[in-house]
Each structure stands twice: as structure tokens, then as C-alpha cells.
Amino acid sequence: MRLVALIILLIPIFFAGLGIKWMRDVIFSILHDPFPNYALQFTGGLVLFIAGLAFIGGFIFHRDRKNNKVAPRFQKTNDHG
């Protein structure tokens, strides 16, 4: 089961790394094939980076919340109202 969780985490890590690479390549004036200009390449890289980071952060937050390792204000409440 831990191997499945590792594989699930490797996919967004790859996308976040690709996003960082695309943003870095804009600084060095390297334009990749699917993008017609630098602004779209930087925006695509930023979107990939933020999406990958958000997925990883959400995964860790969900795991810590399940194991009661978060601050009291982030713990689930049992209000059914």
C-alpha cells in the first residue's frame, strides 16, 4: 500500500518539476514546442507547479488530519447540523 501512495505522489512531483523547468527555460529564452510564446510557457509552468504543489500539500494534510497530527482548528468537527 505504501508503494501505491509513493507512485501517486511521484506523478504530481514530476509535473511540479516540469513546471519549474518551463519557468526556468523562459528566463534563459528556451521556447518549447507546444507553446507559441514565452508568456504562455511561463503560465503553463506556473499552473503545473501550483497544481503539483497543491496536490502534495493536500495529500500530506489529509494524512496528518487522519492521524490527528494537525492543529485543533484544522481537525474535523462532528457537527451534523
C-alpha atoms as a PDB file:
ATOM      1  CA  MET A   1       0.000   0.000   0.000  1.00  0.00           C
ATOM      2  CA  ARG A   2       2.881   2.357   0.672  1.00  0.00           C
ATOM      3  CA  LEU A   3       4.195   1.713  -2.835  1.00  0.00           C
ATOM      4  CA  VAL A   4       0.883   2.834  -4.319  1.00  0.00           C
ATOM      5  CA  ALA A   5       0.997   6.026  -2.238  1.00  0.00           C
ATOM      6  CA  LEU A   6       4.558   6.679  -3.407  1.00  0.00           C
ATOM      7  CA  ILE A   7       3.591   6.229  -7.042  1.00  0.00           C
ATOM      8  CA  ILE A   8       0.594   8.534  -6.574  1.00  0.00           C
ATOM      9  CA  LEU A   9       2.909  11.196  -5.125  1.00  0.00           C
ATOM     10  CA  LEU A  10       5.530  10.821  -7.861  1.00  0.00           C
ATOM     11  CA  ILE A  11       3.143  11.931 -10.611  1.00  0.00           C
ATOM     12  CA  PRO A  12       2.425  15.440  -9.218  1.00  0.00           C
ATOM     13  CA  ILE A  13       6.090  15.774  -8.198  1.00  0.00           C
ATOM     14  CA  PHE A  14       7.023  15.146 -11.834  1.00  0.00           C
ATOM     15  CA  PHE A  15       4.503  17.744 -13.043  1.00  0.00           C
ATOM     16  CA  ALA A  16       5.705  20.316 -10.496  1.00  0.00           C
ATOM     17  CA  GLY A  17       9.291  19.715 -11.630  1.00  0.00           C
ATOM     18  CA  LEU A  18       8.262  20.112 -15.258  1.00  0.00           C
ATOM     19  CA  GLY A  19       6.533  23.383 -14.371  1.00  0.00           C
ATOM     20  CA  ILE A  20       9.693  24.679 -12.687  1.00  0.00           C
ATOM     21  CA  LYS A  21      11.721  23.665 -15.746  1.00  0.00           C
ATOM     22  CA  TRP A  22       9.374  25.505 -18.123  1.00  0.00           C
ATOM     23  CA  MET A  23       9.520  28.664 -15.991  1.00  0.00           C
ATOM     24  CA  ARG A  24      13.309  28.447 -15.777  1.00  0.00           C
ATOM     25  CA  ASP A  25      13.575  27.963 -19.547  1.00  0.00           C
ATOM     26  CA  VAL A  26      11.657  31.212 -20.086  1.00  0.00           C
ATOM     27  CA  ILE A  27      14.375  33.052 -18.153  1.00  0.00           C
ATOM     28  CA  PHE A  28      17.016  31.533 -20.443  1.00  0.00           C
ATOM     29  CA  SER A  29      14.922  32.160 -23.619  1.00  0.00           C
ATOM     30  CA  ILE A  30      14.300  28.495 -24.423  1.00  0.00           C
ATOM     31  CA  LEU A  31      10.901  28.045 -26.040  1.00  0.00           C
ATOM     32  CA  HIS A  32       9.449  24.527 -26.075  1.00  0.00           C
ATOM     33  CA  ASP A  33       7.378  23.146 -28.943  1.00  0.00           C
ATOM     34  CA  PRO A  34       3.753  23.252 -27.724  1.00  0.00           C
ATOM     35  CA  PHE A  35       3.995  26.954 -26.729  1.00  0.00           C
ATOM     36  CA  PRO A  36       3.842  29.818 -29.254  1.00  0.00           C
ATOM     37  CA  ASN A  37       5.368  32.415 -26.905  1.00  0.00           C
ATOM     38  CA  TYR A  38       7.179  32.807 -23.594  1.00  0.00           C
ATOM     39  CA  ALA A  39       4.194  34.131 -21.644  1.00  0.00           C
ATOM     40  CA  LEU A  40       2.137  31.013 -22.316  1.00  0.00           C
ATOM     41  CA  GLN A  41       5.070  28.766 -21.444  1.00  0.00           C
ATOM     42  CA  PHE A  42       5.611  30.573 -18.136  1.00  0.00           C
ATOM     43  CA  THR A  43       1.885  30.463 -17.353  1.00  0.00           C
ATOM     44  CA  GLY A  44       1.716  26.753 -18.162  1.00  0.00           C
ATOM     45  CA  GLY A  45       4.729  26.109 -15.949  1.00  0.00           C
ATOM     46  CA  LEU A  46       3.221  28.121 -13.112  1.00  0.00           C
ATOM     47  CA  VAL A  47      -0.074  26.227 -13.366  1.00  0.00           C
ATOM     48  CA  LEU A  48       1.710  22.848 -13.337  1.00  0.00           C
ATOM     49  CA  PHE A  49       3.867  23.874 -10.381  1.00  0.00           C
ATOM     50  CA  ILE A  50       0.946  25.166  -8.304  1.00  0.00           C
ATOM     51  CA  ALA A  51      -1.233  22.146  -9.144  1.00  0.00           C
ATOM     52  CA  GLY A  52       1.521  19.694  -8.205  1.00  0.00           C
ATOM     53  CA  LEU A  53       2.331  21.539  -5.008  1.00  0.00           C
ATOM     54  CA  ALA A  54      -1.355  21.755  -4.039  1.00  0.00           C
ATOM     55  CA  PHE A  55      -1.857  18.020  -4.600  1.00  0.00           C
ATOM     56  CA  ILE A  56       1.167  17.108  -2.495  1.00  0.00           C
ATOM     57  CA  GLY A  57       0.148  19.554   0.247  1.00  0.00           C
ATOM     58  CA  GLY A  58      -3.413  18.241   0.261  1.00  0.00           C
ATOM     59  CA  PHE A  59      -2.186  14.657   0.421  1.00  0.00           C
ATOM     60  CA  ILE A  60       0.044  15.393   3.423  1.00  0.00           C
ATOM     61  CA  PHE A  61      -2.675  17.468   5.128  1.00  0.00           C
ATOM     62  CA  HIS A  62      -5.253  14.693   4.656  1.00  0.00           C
ATOM     63  CA  ARG A  63      -2.853  12.081   6.054  1.00  0.00           C
ATOM     64  CA  ASP A  64      -1.931  14.230   9.062  1.00  0.00           C
ATOM     65  CA  ARG A  65      -5.581  15.069   9.732  1.00  0.00           C
ATOM     66  CA  LYS A  66      -6.424  11.371   9.697  1.00  0.00           C
ATOM     67  CA  ASN A  67      -3.648  10.685  12.228  1.00  0.00           C
ATOM     68  CA  ASN A  68      -4.654  13.671  14.457  1.00  0.00           C
ATOM     69  CA  LYS A  69      -1.367  15.499  13.906  1.00  0.00           C
ATOM     70  CA  VAL A  70      -2.817  18.886  12.924  1.00  0.00           C
ATOM     71  CA  ALA A  71      -3.665  21.935  14.999  1.00  0.00           C
ATOM     72  CA  PRO A  72      -7.077  21.885  16.717  1.00  0.00           C
ATOM     73  CA  ARG A  73      -8.529  24.446  14.311  1.00  0.00           C
ATOM     74  CA  PHE A  74      -7.878  22.097  11.353  1.00  0.00           C
ATOM     75  CA  GLN A  75      -9.368  18.990  12.959  1.00  0.00           C
ATOM     76  CA  LYS A  76     -12.684  17.673  11.710  1.00  0.00           C
ATOM     77  CA  THR A  77     -15.760  18.536  13.711  1.00  0.00           C
ATOM     78  CA  ASN A  78     -18.670  16.150  14.144  1.00  0.00           C
ATOM     79  CA  ASP A  79     -21.406  18.784  13.818  1.00  0.00           C
ATOM     80  CA  HIS A  80     -24.263  17.317  11.807  1.00  0.00           C
ATOM     81  CA  GLY A  81     -26.368  20.454  11.715  1.00  0.00           C
END
